[in-house]
mmCIF file of all heavy atoms, coordinates in Angstrom:
data_MODEL
# 
_entry.id   MODEL 
# 
loop_
_atom_site.group_PDB 
_atom_site.id 
_atom_site.type_symbol 
_atom_site.label_atom_id 
_atom_site.label_alt_id 
_atom_site.label_comp_id 
_atom_site.label_asym_id 
_atom_site.label_entity_id 
_atom_site.label_seq_id 
_atom_site.pdbx_PDB_ins_code 
_atom_site.Cartn_x 
_atom_site.Cartn_y 
_atom_site.Cartn_z 
_atom_site.occupancy 
_atom_site.B_iso_or_equiv 
_atom_site.pdbx_formal_charge 
_atom_site.auth_seq_id 
_atom_site.auth_comp_id 
_atom_site.auth_asym_id 
_atom_site.auth_atom_id 
_atom_site.pdbx_PDB_model_num 
ATOM 1   N N   . LEU A 1 1  ? 0.825   -1.203  0.000   1.00 0.00 ? 1  LEU A N   1 
ATOM 2   C CA  . LEU A 1 1  ? 0.000   0.000   0.000   1.00 0.00 ? 1  LEU A CA  1 
ATOM 3   C C   . LEU A 1 1  ? 0.862   1.257   0.000   1.00 0.00 ? 1  LEU A C   1 
ATOM 4   O O   . LEU A 1 1  ? 2.077   1.197   0.151   1.00 0.00 ? 1  LEU A O   1 
ATOM 5   C CB  . LEU A 1 1  ? -0.925  -0.004  1.223   1.00 0.00 ? 1  LEU A CB  1 
ATOM 6   C CG  . LEU A 1 1  ? -1.988  -1.108  1.266   1.00 0.00 ? 1  LEU A CG  1 
ATOM 7   C CD1 . LEU A 1 1  ? -2.820  -0.973  2.527   1.00 0.00 ? 1  LEU A CD1 1 
ATOM 8   C CD2 . LEU A 1 1  ? -2.876  -1.063  0.028   1.00 0.00 ? 1  LEU A CD2 1 
ATOM 9   N N   . GLY A 1 2  ? 0.186   2.414   -0.137  1.00 0.00 ? 2  GLY A N   1 
ATOM 10  C CA  . GLY A 1 2  ? 0.879   3.689   -0.106  1.00 0.00 ? 2  GLY A CA  1 
ATOM 11  C C   . GLY A 1 2  ? 1.335   4.043   1.303   1.00 0.00 ? 2  GLY A C   1 
ATOM 12  O O   . GLY A 1 2  ? 1.047   3.333   2.274   1.00 0.00 ? 2  GLY A O   1 
ATOM 13  N N   . SER A 1 3  ? 2.011   5.164   1.438   1.00 0.00 ? 3  SER A N   1 
ATOM 14  C CA  . SER A 1 3  ? 2.639   5.533   2.716   1.00 0.00 ? 3  SER A CA  1 
ATOM 15  C C   . SER A 1 3  ? 1.636   5.757   3.839   1.00 0.00 ? 3  SER A C   1 
ATOM 16  O O   . SER A 1 3  ? 1.986   5.649   5.015   1.00 0.00 ? 3  SER A O   1 
ATOM 17  C CB  . SER A 1 3  ? 3.498   6.791   2.531   1.00 0.00 ? 3  SER A CB  1 
ATOM 18  O OG  . SER A 1 3  ? 2.710   7.866   2.044   1.00 0.00 ? 3  SER A OG  1 
ATOM 19  N N   . ASN A 1 4  ? 0.373   6.074   3.496   1.00 0.00 ? 4  ASN A N   1 
ATOM 20  C CA  . ASN A 1 4  ? -0.680  6.210   4.515   1.00 0.00 ? 4  ASN A CA  1 
ATOM 21  C C   . ASN A 1 4  ? -1.637  5.021   4.483   1.00 0.00 ? 4  ASN A C   1 
ATOM 22  O O   . ASN A 1 4  ? -2.796  5.126   4.877   1.00 0.00 ? 4  ASN A O   1 
ATOM 23  C CB  . ASN A 1 4  ? -1.452  7.511   4.299   1.00 0.00 ? 4  ASN A CB  1 
ATOM 24  C CG  . ASN A 1 4  ? -0.610  8.731   4.643   1.00 0.00 ? 4  ASN A CG  1 
ATOM 25  O OD1 . ASN A 1 4  ? 0.082   8.747   5.655   1.00 0.00 ? 4  ASN A OD1 1 
ATOM 26  N ND2 . ASN A 1 4  ? -0.651  9.740   3.781   1.00 0.00 ? 4  ASN A ND2 1 
ATOM 27  N N   . PHE A 1 5  ? -1.142  3.896   3.976   1.00 0.00 ? 5  PHE A N   1 
ATOM 28  C CA  . PHE A 1 5  ? -1.904  2.645   3.907   1.00 0.00 ? 5  PHE A CA  1 
ATOM 29  C C   . PHE A 1 5  ? -3.152  2.777   3.029   1.00 0.00 ? 5  PHE A C   1 
ATOM 30  O O   . PHE A 1 5  ? -4.173  2.138   3.274   1.00 0.00 ? 5  PHE A O   1 
ATOM 31  C CB  . PHE A 1 5  ? -2.282  2.153   5.314   1.00 0.00 ? 5  PHE A CB  1 
ATOM 32  C CG  . PHE A 1 5  ? -1.080  1.846   6.165   1.00 0.00 ? 5  PHE A CG  1 
ATOM 33  C CD1 . PHE A 1 5  ? -0.543  2.808   7.011   1.00 0.00 ? 5  PHE A CD1 1 
ATOM 34  C CD2 . PHE A 1 5  ? -0.481  0.600   6.095   1.00 0.00 ? 5  PHE A CD2 1 
ATOM 35  C CE1 . PHE A 1 5  ? 0.570   2.536   7.775   1.00 0.00 ? 5  PHE A CE1 1 
ATOM 36  C CE2 . PHE A 1 5  ? 0.643   0.314   6.859   1.00 0.00 ? 5  PHE A CE2 1 
ATOM 37  C CZ  . PHE A 1 5  ? 1.169   1.278   7.706   1.00 0.00 ? 5  PHE A CZ  1 
ATOM 38  N N   . GLU A 1 6  ? -3.053  3.605   1.995   1.00 0.00 ? 6  GLU A N   1 
ATOM 39  C CA  . GLU A 1 6  ? -4.164  3.754   1.065   1.00 0.00 ? 6  GLU A CA  1 
ATOM 40  C C   . GLU A 1 6  ? -3.935  2.866   -0.159  1.00 0.00 ? 6  GLU A C   1 
ATOM 41  O O   . GLU A 1 6  ? -2.798  2.525   -0.489  1.00 0.00 ? 6  GLU A O   1 
ATOM 42  C CB  . GLU A 1 6  ? -4.320  5.222   0.616   1.00 0.00 ? 6  GLU A CB  1 
ATOM 43  C CG  . GLU A 1 6  ? -3.236  5.738   -0.318  1.00 0.00 ? 6  GLU A CG  1 
ATOM 44  C CD  . GLU A 1 6  ? -1.955  6.167   0.396   1.00 0.00 ? 6  GLU A CD  1 
ATOM 45  O OE1 . GLU A 1 6  ? -1.913  6.091   1.636   1.00 0.00 ? 6  GLU A OE1 1 
ATOM 46  O OE2 . GLU A 1 6  ? -0.994  6.569   -0.293  1.00 0.00 ? 6  GLU A OE2 1 
ATOM 47  N N   . ILE A 1 7  ? -5.039  2.488   -0.831  1.00 0.00 ? 7  ILE A N   1 
ATOM 48  C CA  . ILE A 1 7  ? -4.924  1.673   -2.049  1.00 0.00 ? 7  ILE A CA  1 
ATOM 49  C C   . ILE A 1 7  ? -4.314  2.498   -3.171  1.00 0.00 ? 7  ILE A C   1 
ATOM 50  O O   . ILE A 1 7  ? -3.445  2.026   -3.919  1.00 0.00 ? 7  ILE A O   1 
ATOM 51  C CB  . ILE A 1 7  ? -6.303  1.124   -2.469  1.00 0.00 ? 7  ILE A CB  1 
ATOM 52  C CG1 . ILE A 1 7  ? -6.839  0.173   -1.388  1.00 0.00 ? 7  ILE A CG1 1 
ATOM 53  C CG2 . ILE A 1 7  ? -6.209  0.384   -3.802  1.00 0.00 ? 7  ILE A CG2 1 
ATOM 54  C CD1 . ILE A 1 7  ? -8.229  -0.375  -1.663  1.00 0.00 ? 7  ILE A CD1 1 
ATOM 55  N N   . ASP A 1 8  ? -4.793  3.760   -3.313  1.00 0.00 ? 8  ASP A N   1 
ATOM 56  C CA  . ASP A 1 8  ? -4.173  4.707   -4.243  1.00 0.00 ? 8  ASP A CA  1 
ATOM 57  C C   . ASP A 1 8  ? -4.015  4.141   -5.650  1.00 0.00 ? 8  ASP A C   1 
ATOM 58  O O   . ASP A 1 8  ? -2.942  4.181   -6.244  1.00 0.00 ? 8  ASP A O   1 
ATOM 59  C CB  . ASP A 1 8  ? -2.817  5.140   -3.687  1.00 0.00 ? 8  ASP A CB  1 
ATOM 60  C CG  . ASP A 1 8  ? -2.292  6.411   -4.363  1.00 0.00 ? 8  ASP A CG  1 
ATOM 61  O OD1 . ASP A 1 8  ? -3.128  7.185   -4.867  1.00 0.00 ? 8  ASP A OD1 1 
ATOM 62  O OD2 . ASP A 1 8  ? -1.069  6.608   -4.383  1.00 0.00 ? 8  ASP A OD2 1 
ATOM 63  N N   . GLY A 1 9  ? -5.116  3.611   -6.207  1.00 0.00 ? 9  GLY A N   1 
ATOM 64  C CA  . GLY A 1 9  ? -5.118  3.125   -7.582  1.00 0.00 ? 9  GLY A CA  1 
ATOM 65  C C   . GLY A 1 9  ? -4.569  1.726   -7.770  1.00 0.00 ? 9  GLY A C   1 
ATOM 66  O O   . GLY A 1 9  ? -4.598  1.191   -8.890  1.00 0.00 ? 9  GLY A O   1 
ATOM 67  N N   . ARG A 1 10 ? -4.065  1.099   -6.717  1.00 0.00 ? 10 ARG A N   1 
ATOM 68  C CA  . ARG A 1 10 ? -3.536  -0.256  -6.835  1.00 0.00 ? 10 ARG A CA  1 
ATOM 69  C C   . ARG A 1 10 ? -4.691  -1.240  -6.993  1.00 0.00 ? 10 ARG A C   1 
ATOM 70  O O   . ARG A 1 10 ? -5.741  -1.098  -6.373  1.00 0.00 ? 10 ARG A O   1 
ATOM 71  C CB  . ARG A 1 10 ? -2.696  -0.605  -5.602  1.00 0.00 ? 10 ARG A CB  1 
ATOM 72  C CG  . ARG A 1 10 ? -1.429  0.226   -5.476  1.00 0.00 ? 10 ARG A CG  1 
ATOM 73  C CD  . ARG A 1 10 ? -0.827  0.091   -4.077  1.00 0.00 ? 10 ARG A CD  1 
ATOM 74  N NE  . ARG A 1 10 ? 0.451   0.779   -3.955  1.00 0.00 ? 10 ARG A NE  1 
ATOM 75  C CZ  . ARG A 1 10 ? 0.591   2.080   -3.734  1.00 0.00 ? 10 ARG A CZ  1 
ATOM 76  N NH1 . ARG A 1 10 ? -0.496  2.831   -3.605  1.00 0.00 ? 10 ARG A NH1 1 
ATOM 77  N NH2 . ARG A 1 10 ? 1.781   2.634   -3.634  1.00 0.00 ? 10 ARG A NH2 1 
ATOM 78  N N   . MET A 1 11 ? -4.470  -2.258  -7.804  1.00 0.00 ? 11 MET A N   1 
ATOM 79  C CA  . MET A 1 11 ? -5.519  -3.249  -8.052  1.00 0.00 ? 11 MET A CA  1 
ATOM 80  C C   . MET A 1 11 ? -5.516  -4.304  -6.956  1.00 0.00 ? 11 MET A C   1 
ATOM 81  O O   . MET A 1 11 ? -4.466  -4.829  -6.577  1.00 0.00 ? 11 MET A O   1 
ATOM 82  C CB  . MET A 1 11 ? -5.300  -3.909  -9.415  1.00 0.00 ? 11 MET A CB  1 
ATOM 83  C CG  . MET A 1 11 ? -6.436  -4.833  -9.833  1.00 0.00 ? 11 MET A CG  1 
ATOM 84  S SD  . MET A 1 11 ? -6.201  -5.496  -11.499 1.00 0.00 ? 11 MET A SD  1 
ATOM 85  C CE  . MET A 1 11 ? -6.324  -3.981  -12.456 1.00 0.00 ? 11 MET A CE  1 
ATOM 86  N N   . LEU A 1 12 ? -6.706  -4.626  -6.432  1.00 0.00 ? 12 LEU A N   1 
ATOM 87  C CA  . LEU A 1 12 ? -6.822  -5.681  -5.433  1.00 0.00 ? 12 LEU A CA  1 
ATOM 88  C C   . LEU A 1 12 ? -6.616  -7.053  -6.070  1.00 0.00 ? 12 LEU A C   1 
ATOM 89  O O   . LEU A 1 12 ? -7.024  -7.280  -7.212  1.00 0.00 ? 12 LEU A O   1 
ATOM 90  C CB  . LEU A 1 12 ? -8.200  -5.638  -4.782  1.00 0.00 ? 12 LEU A CB  1 
ATOM 91  C CG  . LEU A 1 12 ? -8.549  -4.422  -3.930  1.00 0.00 ? 12 LEU A CG  1 
ATOM 92  C CD1 . LEU A 1 12 ? -9.997  -4.537  -3.450  1.00 0.00 ? 12 LEU A CD1 1 
ATOM 93  C CD2 . LEU A 1 12 ? -7.618  -4.309  -2.741  1.00 0.00 ? 12 LEU A CD2 1 
ATOM 94  N N   . VAL A 1 13 ? -5.996  -7.951  -5.333  1.00 0.00 ? 13 VAL A N   1 
ATOM 95  C CA  . VAL A 1 13 ? -5.919  -9.349  -5.753  1.00 0.00 ? 13 VAL A CA  1 
ATOM 96  C C   . VAL A 1 13 ? -7.013  -10.106 -5.011  1.00 0.00 ? 13 VAL A C   1 
ATOM 97  O O   . VAL A 1 13 ? -7.619  -9.588  -4.066  1.00 0.00 ? 13 VAL A O   1 
ATOM 98  C CB  . VAL A 1 13 ? -4.526  -9.954  -5.450  1.00 0.00 ? 13 VAL A CB  1 
ATOM 99  C CG1 . VAL A 1 13 ? -3.444  -9.160  -6.167  1.00 0.00 ? 13 VAL A CG1 1 
ATOM 100 C CG2 . VAL A 1 13 ? -4.246  -9.990  -3.955  1.00 0.00 ? 13 VAL A CG2 1 
ATOM 101 N N   . SER A 1 14 ? -7.292  -11.338 -5.412  1.00 0.00 ? 14 SER A N   1 
ATOM 102 C CA  . SER A 1 14 ? -8.352  -12.101 -4.753  1.00 0.00 ? 14 SER A CA  1 
ATOM 103 C C   . SER A 1 14 ? -7.974  -12.371 -3.299  1.00 0.00 ? 14 SER A C   1 
ATOM 104 O O   . SER A 1 14 ? -6.785  -12.481 -2.955  1.00 0.00 ? 14 SER A O   1 
ATOM 105 C CB  . SER A 1 14 ? -8.591  -13.422 -5.480  1.00 0.00 ? 14 SER A CB  1 
ATOM 106 O OG  . SER A 1 14 ? -7.566  -14.351 -5.177  1.00 0.00 ? 14 SER A OG  1 
ATOM 107 N N   . TYR A 1 15 ? -8.983  -12.494 -2.472  1.00 0.00 ? 15 TYR A N   1 
ATOM 108 C CA  . TYR A 1 15 ? -8.720  -12.739 -1.049  1.00 0.00 ? 15 TYR A CA  1 
ATOM 109 C C   . TYR A 1 15 ? -7.951  -14.049 -0.867  1.00 0.00 ? 15 TYR A C   1 
ATOM 110 O O   . TYR A 1 15 ? -7.005  -14.111 -0.076  1.00 0.00 ? 15 TYR A O   1 
ATOM 111 C CB  . TYR A 1 15 ? -10.028 -12.793 -0.265  1.00 0.00 ? 15 TYR A CB  1 
ATOM 112 C CG  . TYR A 1 15 ? -9.782  -12.932 1.215   1.00 0.00 ? 15 TYR A CG  1 
ATOM 113 C CD1 . TYR A 1 15 ? -9.647  -11.808 2.028   1.00 0.00 ? 15 TYR A CD1 1 
ATOM 114 C CD2 . TYR A 1 15 ? -9.640  -14.189 1.810   1.00 0.00 ? 15 TYR A CD2 1 
ATOM 115 C CE1 . TYR A 1 15 ? -9.381  -11.925 3.385   1.00 0.00 ? 15 TYR A CE1 1 
ATOM 116 C CE2 . TYR A 1 15 ? -9.375  -14.315 3.160   1.00 0.00 ? 15 TYR A CE2 1 
ATOM 117 C CZ  . TYR A 1 15 ? -9.246  -13.177 3.940   1.00 0.00 ? 15 TYR A CZ  1 
ATOM 118 O OH  . TYR A 1 15 ? -8.960  -13.308 5.274   1.00 0.00 ? 15 TYR A OH  1 
ATOM 119 N N   . GLU A 1 16 ? -8.344  -15.083 -1.590  1.00 0.00 ? 16 GLU A N   1 
ATOM 120 C CA  . GLU A 1 16 ? -7.694  -16.389 -1.415  1.00 0.00 ? 16 GLU A CA  1 
ATOM 121 C C   . GLU A 1 16 ? -6.226  -16.342 -1.830  1.00 0.00 ? 16 GLU A C   1 
ATOM 122 O O   . GLU A 1 16 ? -5.383  -16.975 -1.193  1.00 0.00 ? 16 GLU A O   1 
ATOM 123 C CB  . GLU A 1 16 ? -8.443  -17.469 -2.193  1.00 0.00 ? 16 GLU A CB  1 
ATOM 124 C CG  . GLU A 1 16 ? -9.765  -17.851 -1.562  1.00 0.00 ? 16 GLU A CG  1 
ATOM 125 C CD  . GLU A 1 16 ? -9.616  -18.281 -0.108  1.00 0.00 ? 16 GLU A CD  1 
ATOM 126 O OE1 . GLU A 1 16 ? -8.712  -19.085 0.193   1.00 0.00 ? 16 GLU A OE1 1 
ATOM 127 O OE2 . GLU A 1 16 ? -10.401 -17.806 0.733   1.00 0.00 ? 16 GLU A OE2 1 
ATOM 128 N N   . ASP A 1 17 ? -5.925  -15.631 -2.901  1.00 0.00 ? 17 ASP A N   1 
ATOM 129 C CA  . ASP A 1 17 ? -4.513  -15.497 -3.309  1.00 0.00 ? 17 ASP A CA  1 
ATOM 130 C C   . ASP A 1 17 ? -3.715  -14.780 -2.218  1.00 0.00 ? 17 ASP A C   1 
ATOM 131 O O   . ASP A 1 17 ? -2.587  -15.184 -1.891  1.00 0.00 ? 17 ASP A O   1 
ATOM 132 C CB  . ASP A 1 17 ? -4.409  -14.720 -4.620  1.00 0.00 ? 17 ASP A CB  1 
ATOM 133 C CG  . ASP A 1 17 ? -4.805  -15.548 -5.828  1.00 0.00 ? 17 ASP A CG  1 
ATOM 134 O OD1 . ASP A 1 17 ? -4.922  -16.785 -5.682  1.00 0.00 ? 17 ASP A OD1 1 
ATOM 135 O OD2 . ASP A 1 17 ? -4.995  -14.964 -6.909  1.00 0.00 ? 17 ASP A OD2 1 
ATOM 136 N N   . ALA A 1 18 ? -4.309  -13.718 -1.668  1.00 0.00 ? 18 ALA A N   1 
ATOM 137 C CA  . ALA A 1 18 ? -3.624  -12.968 -0.618  1.00 0.00 ? 18 ALA A CA  1 
ATOM 138 C C   . ALA A 1 18 ? -3.468  -13.829 0.637   1.00 0.00 ? 18 ALA A C   1 
ATOM 139 O O   . ALA A 1 18 ? -2.396  -13.852 1.254   1.00 0.00 ? 18 ALA A O   1 
ATOM 140 C CB  . ALA A 1 18 ? -4.394  -11.691 -0.296  1.00 0.00 ? 18 ALA A CB  1 
ATOM 141 N N   . PHE A 1 19 ? -4.523  -14.542 1.018   1.00 0.00 ? 19 PHE A N   1 
ATOM 142 C CA  . PHE A 1 19 ? -4.458  -15.365 2.228   1.00 0.00 ? 19 PHE A CA  1 
ATOM 143 C C   . PHE A 1 19 ? -3.427  -16.480 2.080   1.00 0.00 ? 19 PHE A C   1 
ATOM 144 O O   . PHE A 1 19 ? -2.717  -16.810 3.037   1.00 0.00 ? 19 PHE A O   1 
ATOM 145 C CB  . PHE A 1 19 ? -5.832  -15.960 2.548   1.00 0.00 ? 19 PHE A CB  1 
ATOM 146 C CG  . PHE A 1 19 ? -5.875  -16.653 3.879   1.00 0.00 ? 19 PHE A CG  1 
ATOM 147 C CD1 . PHE A 1 19 ? -6.172  -15.941 5.031   1.00 0.00 ? 19 PHE A CD1 1 
ATOM 148 C CD2 . PHE A 1 19 ? -5.609  -18.014 3.979   1.00 0.00 ? 19 PHE A CD2 1 
ATOM 149 C CE1 . PHE A 1 19 ? -6.194  -16.578 6.276   1.00 0.00 ? 19 PHE A CE1 1 
ATOM 150 C CE2 . PHE A 1 19 ? -5.630  -18.650 5.214   1.00 0.00 ? 19 PHE A CE2 1 
ATOM 151 C CZ  . PHE A 1 19 ? -5.919  -17.930 6.362   1.00 0.00 ? 19 PHE A CZ  1 
ATOM 152 N N   . CYS A 1 20 ? -3.346  -17.050 0.907   1.00 0.00 ? 20 CYS A N   1 
ATOM 153 C CA  . CYS A 1 20 ? -2.377  -18.116 0.646   1.00 0.00 ? 20 CYS A CA  1 
ATOM 154 C C   . CYS A 1 20 ? -0.948  -17.614 0.859   1.00 0.00 ? 20 CYS A C   1 
ATOM 155 O O   . CYS A 1 20 ? -0.135  -18.266 1.522   1.00 0.00 ? 20 CYS A O   1 
ATOM 156 C CB  . CYS A 1 20 ? -2.563  -18.647 -0.774  1.00 0.00 ? 20 CYS A CB  1 
ATOM 157 S SG  . CYS A 1 20 ? -1.434  -19.999 -1.184  1.00 0.00 ? 20 CYS A SG  1 
ATOM 158 N N   . LYS A 1 21 ? -0.637  -16.459 0.314   1.00 0.00 ? 21 LYS A N   1 
ATOM 159 C CA  . LYS A 1 21 ? 0.700   -15.874 0.492   1.00 0.00 ? 21 LYS A CA  1 
ATOM 160 C C   . LYS A 1 21 ? 0.940   -15.500 1.947   1.00 0.00 ? 21 LYS A C   1 
ATOM 161 O O   . LYS A 1 21 ? 2.048   -15.694 2.485   1.00 0.00 ? 21 LYS A O   1 
ATOM 162 C CB  . LYS A 1 21 ? 0.857   -14.646 -0.401  1.00 0.00 ? 21 LYS A CB  1 
ATOM 163 C CG  . LYS A 1 21 ? 0.942   -14.939 -1.892  1.00 0.00 ? 21 LYS A CG  1 
ATOM 164 C CD  . LYS A 1 21 ? 2.273   -15.587 -2.250  1.00 0.00 ? 21 LYS A CD  1 
ATOM 165 C CE  . LYS A 1 21 ? 2.432   -15.695 -3.765  1.00 0.00 ? 21 LYS A CE  1 
ATOM 166 N NZ  . LYS A 1 21 ? 3.721   -16.303 -4.152  1.00 0.00 ? 21 LYS A NZ  1 
ATOM 167 N N   . PHE A 1 22 ? -0.088  -14.968 2.594   1.00 0.00 ? 22 PHE A N   1 
ATOM 168 C CA  . PHE A 1 22 ? 0.035   -14.576 3.991   1.00 0.00 ? 22 PHE A CA  1 
ATOM 169 C C   . PHE A 1 22 ? 0.316   -15.799 4.866   1.00 0.00 ? 22 PHE A C   1 
ATOM 170 O O   . PHE A 1 22 ? 1.198   -15.778 5.738   1.00 0.00 ? 22 PHE A O   1 
ATOM 171 C CB  . PHE A 1 22 ? -1.236  -13.867 4.440   1.00 0.00 ? 22 PHE A CB  1 
ATOM 172 C CG  . PHE A 1 22 ? -1.242  -13.454 5.882   1.00 0.00 ? 22 PHE A CG  1 
ATOM 173 C CD1 . PHE A 1 22 ? -0.230  -12.664 6.403   1.00 0.00 ? 22 PHE A CD1 1 
ATOM 174 C CD2 . PHE A 1 22 ? -2.262  -13.863 6.718   1.00 0.00 ? 22 PHE A CD2 1 
ATOM 175 C CE1 . PHE A 1 22 ? -0.227  -12.286 7.736   1.00 0.00 ? 22 PHE A CE1 1 
ATOM 176 C CE2 . PHE A 1 22 ? -2.280  -13.488 8.053   1.00 0.00 ? 22 PHE A CE2 1 
ATOM 177 C CZ  . PHE A 1 22 ? -1.254  -12.704 8.558   1.00 0.00 ? 22 PHE A CZ  1 
ATOM 178 N N   . ALA A 1 23 ? -0.440  -16.869 4.643   1.00 0.00 ? 23 ALA A N   1 
ATOM 179 C CA  . ALA A 1 23 ? -0.239  -18.094 5.415   1.00 0.00 ? 23 ALA A CA  1 
ATOM 180 C C   . ALA A 1 23 ? 1.170   -18.655 5.199   1.00 0.00 ? 23 ALA A C   1 
ATOM 181 O O   . ALA A 1 23 ? 1.803   -19.147 6.144   1.00 0.00 ? 23 ALA A O   1 
ATOM 182 C CB  . ALA A 1 23 ? -1.287  -19.134 5.026   1.00 0.00 ? 23 ALA A CB  1 
ATOM 183 N N   . LYS A 1 24 ? 1.653   -18.572 3.993   1.00 0.00 ? 24 LYS A N   1 
ATOM 184 C CA  . LYS A 1 24 ? 3.008   -19.037 3.697   1.00 0.00 ? 24 LYS A CA  1 
ATOM 185 C C   . LYS A 1 24 ? 4.039   -18.221 4.471   1.00 0.00 ? 24 LYS A C   1 
ATOM 186 O O   . LYS A 1 24 ? 5.012   -18.759 5.012   1.00 0.00 ? 24 LYS A O   1 
ATOM 187 C CB  . LYS A 1 24 ? 3.259   -18.922 2.186   1.00 0.00 ? 24 LYS A CB  1 
ATOM 188 C CG  . LYS A 1 24 ? 4.563   -19.535 1.710   1.00 0.00 ? 24 LYS A CG  1 
ATOM 189 C CD  . LYS A 1 24 ? 4.660   -19.478 0.192   1.00 0.00 ? 24 LYS A CD  1 
ATOM 190 C CE  . LYS A 1 24 ? 5.980   -20.101 -0.285  1.00 0.00 ? 24 LYS A CE  1 
ATOM 191 N NZ  . LYS A 1 24 ? 6.085   -20.046 -1.770  1.00 0.00 ? 24 LYS A NZ  1 
ATOM 192 N N   . SER A 1 25 ? 3.807   -16.920 4.554   1.00 0.00 ? 25 SER A N   1 
ATOM 193 C CA  . SER A 1 25 ? 4.710   -16.041 5.311   1.00 0.00 ? 25 SER A CA  1 
ATOM 194 C C   . SER A 1 25 ? 4.674   -16.369 6.791   1.00 0.00 ? 25 SER A C   1 
ATOM 195 O O   . SER A 1 25 ? 5.719   -16.464 7.450   1.00 0.00 ? 25 SER A O   1 
ATOM 196 C CB  . SER A 1 25 ? 4.327   -14.572 5.096   1.00 0.00 ? 25 SER A CB  1 
ATOM 197 O OG  . SER A 1 25 ? 4.422   -14.196 3.743   1.00 0.00 ? 25 SER A OG  1 
ATOM 198 N N   . VAL A 1 26 ? 3.457   -16.534 7.335   1.00 0.00 ? 26 VAL A N   1 
ATOM 199 C CA  . VAL A 1 26 ? 3.323   -16.808 8.768   1.00 0.00 ? 26 VAL A CA  1 
ATOM 200 C C   . VAL A 1 26 ? 3.955   -18.148 9.124   1.00 0.00 ? 26 VAL A C   1 
ATOM 201 O O   . VAL A 1 26 ? 4.578   -18.295 10.188  1.00 0.00 ? 26 VAL A O   1 
ATOM 202 C CB  . VAL A 1 26 ? 1.839   -16.776 9.195   1.00 0.00 ? 26 VAL A CB  1 
ATOM 203 C CG1 . VAL A 1 26 ? 1.687   -17.206 10.656  1.00 0.00 ? 26 VAL A CG1 1 
ATOM 204 C CG2 . VAL A 1 26 ? 1.266   -15.380 9.003   1.00 0.00 ? 26 VAL A CG2 1 
ATOM 205 N N   . GLU A 1 27 ? 3.832   -19.125 8.243   1.00 0.00 ? 27 GLU A N   1 
ATOM 206 C CA  . GLU A 1 27 ? 4.451   -20.427 8.488   1.00 0.00 ? 27 GLU A CA  1 
ATOM 207 C C   . GLU A 1 27 ? 5.966   -20.282 8.673   1.00 0.00 ? 27 GLU A C   1 
ATOM 208 O O   . GLU A 1 27 ? 6.556   -20.862 9.590   1.00 0.00 ? 27 GLU A O   1 
ATOM 209 C CB  . GLU A 1 27 ? 4.147   -21.369 7.323   1.00 0.00 ? 27 GLU A CB  1 
ATOM 210 C CG  . GLU A 1 27 ? 4.655   -22.785 7.544   1.00 0.00 ? 27 GLU A CG  1 
ATOM 211 C CD  . GLU A 1 27 ? 4.226   -23.720 6.424   1.00 0.00 ? 27 GLU A CD  1 
ATOM 212 O OE1 . GLU A 1 27 ? 3.640   -23.248 5.435   1.00 0.00 ? 27 GLU A OE1 1 
ATOM 213 O OE2 . GLU A 1 27 ? 4.482   -24.929 6.551   1.00 0.00 ? 27 GLU A OE2 1 
# 
């Protein structure tokens, strides 16, 4: 995200894709 945690025109990815990467990081 941007410096104030805004989306600022960035495209969202699917929740499942994001959760999958997040879970991999937490592991």
